[in-house]
Amino acid sequence: MSQKSAYLHYVSAGSTGNTAPIPVDEVICFRADDACTKVVTGSGELRIHTPLSELQPMLDPRMFRQAQRSTVVNLSRVESMTWTDHDHLVIKFKELDKTITVCQPYCTQFQEQ
């Protein structure tokens, strides 16, 4: 079995009792939220009941990087990464109008690309 196949390919996510398989390569980011994890895609946010701390080891580290304690981003969905004057790294996503600022302890992960 190759190393790539050992990682998660789909998450079963949904809302209000309906779930669907979401390919992880379509996920923009995962965000910890109370007792569940938000799955952010270009078409909205869904939820899974797997905590982010359990989900992260199942994700391919070449594709997903931790940006904040509660956020893991999909590098293939990143449009740009910009350093600010205050040495903060800001990520802009291709499909979202939002940006996130990478917390200082996680910045080195994004420099290693």
C-alpha atoms as a PDB file:
ATOM      1  CA  MET A   1       0.000   0.000   0.000  1.00  0.00           C
ATOM      2  CA  SER A   2       1.445   3.384  -0.930  1.00  0.00           C
ATOM      3  CA  GLN A   3       1.764   6.145   1.644  1.00  0.00           C
ATOM      4  CA  LYS A   4      -0.711   8.346  -0.247  1.00  0.00           C
ATOM      5  CA  SER A   5      -3.474   5.731   0.017  1.00  0.00           C
ATOM      6  CA  ALA A   6      -2.969   5.572   3.796  1.00  0.00           C
ATOM      7  CA  TYR A   7      -4.450   9.058   4.158  1.00  0.00           C
ATOM      8  CA  LEU A   8      -8.104  10.009   4.236  1.00  0.00           C
ATOM      9  CA  HIS A   9      -9.751  10.570   0.840  1.00  0.00           C
ATOM     10  CA  TYR A  10     -13.300  11.460   1.938  1.00  0.00           C
ATOM     11  CA  VAL A  11     -15.061  12.788   5.016  1.00  0.00           C
ATOM     12  CA  SER A  12     -18.707  12.110   5.700  1.00  0.00           C
ATOM     13  CA  ALA A  13     -20.023  15.569   6.514  1.00  0.00           C
ATOM     14  CA  GLY A  14     -23.415  17.204   6.743  1.00  0.00           C
ATOM     15  CA  SER A  15     -25.955  19.158   8.694  1.00  0.00           C
ATOM     16  CA  THR A  16     -29.379  18.478  10.231  1.00  0.00           C
ATOM     17  CA  GLY A  17     -29.157  14.708   9.875  1.00  0.00           C
ATOM     18  CA  ASN A  18     -28.088  14.587   6.216  1.00  0.00           C
ATOM     19  CA  THR A  19     -24.541  13.549   5.376  1.00  0.00           C
ATOM     20  CA  ALA A  20     -22.605  13.116   2.157  1.00  0.00           C
ATOM     21  CA  PRO A  21     -19.076  12.018   1.278  1.00  0.00           C
ATOM     22  CA  ILE A  22     -16.881  15.065   0.630  1.00  0.00           C
ATOM     23  CA  PRO A  23     -13.533  14.476  -1.115  1.00  0.00           C
ATOM     24  CA  VAL A  24     -10.794  15.978   1.064  1.00  0.00           C
ATOM     25  CA  ASP A  25      -9.235  17.652  -1.971  1.00  0.00           C
ATOM     26  CA  GLU A  26     -12.420  19.796  -2.203  1.00  0.00           C
ATOM     27  CA  VAL A  27     -12.045  20.959   1.405  1.00  0.00           C
ATOM     28  CA  ILE A  28     -10.675  24.487   1.836  1.00  0.00           C
ATOM     29  CA  CYS A  29     -10.035  24.059   5.540  1.00  0.00           C
ATOM     30  CA  PHE A  30     -11.105  22.242   8.675  1.00  0.00           C
ATOM     31  CA  ARG A  31     -11.972  24.293  11.769  1.00  0.00           C
ATOM     32  CA  ALA A  32     -12.501  23.055  15.305  1.00  0.00           C
ATOM     33  CA  ASP A  33     -15.887  24.147  16.633  1.00  0.00           C
ATOM     34  CA  ASP A  34     -17.120  23.055  20.080  1.00  0.00           C
ATOM     35  CA  ALA A  35     -17.675  19.283  19.984  1.00  0.00           C
ATOM     36  CA  CYS A  36     -17.297  18.927  16.218  1.00  0.00           C
ATOM     37  CA  THR A  37     -15.211  20.089  13.276  1.00  0.00           C
ATOM     38  CA  LYS A  38     -16.419  22.411  10.512  1.00  0.00           C
ATOM     39  CA  VAL A  39     -15.600  21.293   6.984  1.00  0.00           C
ATOM     40  CA  VAL A  40     -15.307  24.433   4.840  1.00  0.00           C
ATOM     41  CA  THR A  41     -15.799  23.964   1.090  1.00  0.00           C
ATOM     42  CA  GLY A  42     -16.464  26.347  -1.779  1.00  0.00           C
ATOM     43  CA  SER A  43     -20.185  25.685  -1.399  1.00  0.00           C
ATOM     44  CA  GLY A  44     -20.466  26.151   2.364  1.00  0.00           C
ATOM     45  CA  GLU A  45     -19.750  24.716   5.780  1.00  0.00           C
ATOM     46  CA  LEU A  46     -20.658  21.238   6.969  1.00  0.00           C
ATOM     47  CA  ARG A  47     -19.891  19.429  10.201  1.00  0.00           C
ATOM     48  CA  ILE A  48     -18.260  16.190  11.225  1.00  0.00           C
ATOM     49  CA  HIS A  49     -18.153  14.727  14.705  1.00  0.00           C
ATOM     50  CA  THR A  50     -14.456  13.845  14.564  1.00  0.00           C
ATOM     51  CA  PRO A  51     -12.361  16.274  16.632  1.00  0.00           C
ATOM     52  CA  LEU A  52      -9.714  18.151  14.650  1.00  0.00           C
ATOM     53  CA  SER A  53      -6.978  16.616  16.801  1.00  0.00           C
ATOM     54  CA  GLU A  54      -8.063  13.127  15.656  1.00  0.00           C
ATOM     55  CA  LEU A  55      -8.680  14.160  12.053  1.00  0.00           C
ATOM     56  CA  GLN A  56      -5.344  15.844  11.393  1.00  0.00           C
ATOM     57  CA  PRO A  57      -3.147  12.696  11.548  1.00  0.00           C
ATOM     58  CA  MET A  58      -5.443  11.131   8.907  1.00  0.00           C
ATOM     59  CA  LEU A  59      -4.776  14.003   6.450  1.00  0.00           C
ATOM     60  CA  ASP A  60      -1.866  14.029   4.016  1.00  0.00           C
ATOM     61  CA  PRO A  61       0.690  16.466   5.511  1.00  0.00           C
ATOM     62  CA  ARG A  62       1.892  17.372   2.010  1.00  0.00           C
ATOM     63  CA  MET A  63      -1.604  18.716   1.305  1.00  0.00           C
ATOM     64  CA  PHE A  64      -2.828  19.969   4.703  1.00  0.00           C
ATOM     65  CA  ARG A  65      -1.041  22.286   7.130  1.00  0.00           C
ATOM     66  CA  GLN A  66      -2.036  23.631  10.505  1.00  0.00           C
ATOM     67  CA  ALA A  67      -2.422  27.417  10.420  1.00  0.00           C
ATOM     68  CA  GLN A  68      -3.932  27.994  13.854  1.00  0.00           C
ATOM     69  CA  ARG A  69      -4.625  25.817  16.866  1.00  0.00           C
ATOM     70  CA  SER A  70      -8.156  25.333  15.535  1.00  0.00           C
ATOM     71  CA  THR A  71      -7.581  25.484  11.750  1.00  0.00           C
ATOM     72  CA  VAL A  72      -5.978  23.159   9.199  1.00  0.00           C
ATOM     73  CA  VAL A  73      -5.804  24.439   5.607  1.00  0.00           C
ATOM     74  CA  ASN A  74      -5.642  22.681   2.244  1.00  0.00           C
ATOM     75  CA  LEU A  75      -2.603  24.067   0.411  1.00  0.00           C
ATOM     76  CA  SER A  76      -4.158  23.379  -2.989  1.00  0.00           C
ATOM     77  CA  ARG A  77      -6.976  25.812  -2.113  1.00  0.00           C
ATOM     78  CA  VAL A  78      -4.631  28.662  -1.178  1.00  0.00           C
ATOM     79  CA  GLU A  79      -4.494  31.536  -3.658  1.00  0.00           C
ATOM     80  CA  SER A  80      -1.720  33.469  -1.956  1.00  0.00           C
ATOM     81  CA  MET A  81       0.341  33.774   1.209  1.00  0.00           C
ATOM     82  CA  THR A  82       1.554  37.244   2.141  1.00  0.00           C
ATOM     83  CA  TRP A  83       3.874  38.399   4.891  1.00  0.00           C
ATOM     84  CA  THR A  84       2.713  41.572   6.636  1.00  0.00           C
ATOM     85  CA  ASP A  85       4.918  44.343   8.022  1.00  0.00           C
ATOM     86  CA  HIS A  86       4.498  42.745  11.449  1.00  0.00           C
ATOM     87  CA  ASP A  87       5.872  39.345  10.355  1.00  0.00           C
ATOM     88  CA  HIS A  88       2.468  37.706  10.200  1.00  0.00           C
ATOM     89  CA  LEU A  89       1.581  35.339   7.382  1.00  0.00           C
ATOM     90  CA  VAL A  90      -1.856  35.936   5.845  1.00  0.00           C
ATOM     91  CA  ILE A  91      -3.498  33.246   3.711  1.00  0.00           C
ATOM     92  CA  LYS A  92      -6.034  34.097   1.010  1.00  0.00           C
ATOM     93  CA  PHE A  93      -8.120  31.242  -0.355  1.00  0.00           C
ATOM     94  CA  LYS A  94      -9.171  30.760  -3.979  1.00  0.00           C
ATOM     95  CA  GLU A  95     -12.874  30.216  -3.251  1.00  0.00           C
ATOM     96  CA  LEU A  96     -13.400  32.374  -0.154  1.00  0.00           C
ATOM     97  CA  ASP A  97     -13.432  36.119   0.348  1.00  0.00           C
ATOM     98  CA  LYS A  98     -11.921  35.569   3.801  1.00  0.00           C
ATOM     99  CA  THR A  99      -8.301  35.464   4.841  1.00  0.00           C
ATOM    100  CA  ILE A 100      -6.736  33.905   7.904  1.00  0.00           C
ATOM    101  CA  THR A 101      -3.598  34.869   9.747  1.00  0.00           C
ATOM    102  CA  VAL A 102      -1.259  32.005  10.518  1.00  0.00           C
ATOM    103  CA  CYS A 103      -0.272  31.842  14.181  1.00  0.00           C
ATOM    104  CA  GLN A 104       3.447  32.362  14.740  1.00  0.00           C
ATOM    105  CA  PRO A 105       4.251  28.793  15.884  1.00  0.00           C
ATOM    106  CA  TYR A 106       2.859  27.399  12.607  1.00  0.00           C
ATOM    107  CA  CYS A 107       4.506  29.825  10.151  1.00  0.00           C
ATOM    108  CA  THR A 108       7.541  27.621   9.570  1.00  0.00           C
ATOM    109  CA  GLN A 109       5.308  24.878   8.123  1.00  0.00           C
ATOM    110  CA  PHE A 110       4.356  27.230   5.309  1.00  0.00           C
ATOM    111  CA  GLN A 111       7.936  28.332   4.644  1.00  0.00           C
ATOM    112  CA  GLU A 112       8.972  24.702   4.062  1.00  0.00           C
ATOM    113  CA  GLN A 113       6.857  24.236   0.907  1.00  0.00           C
END
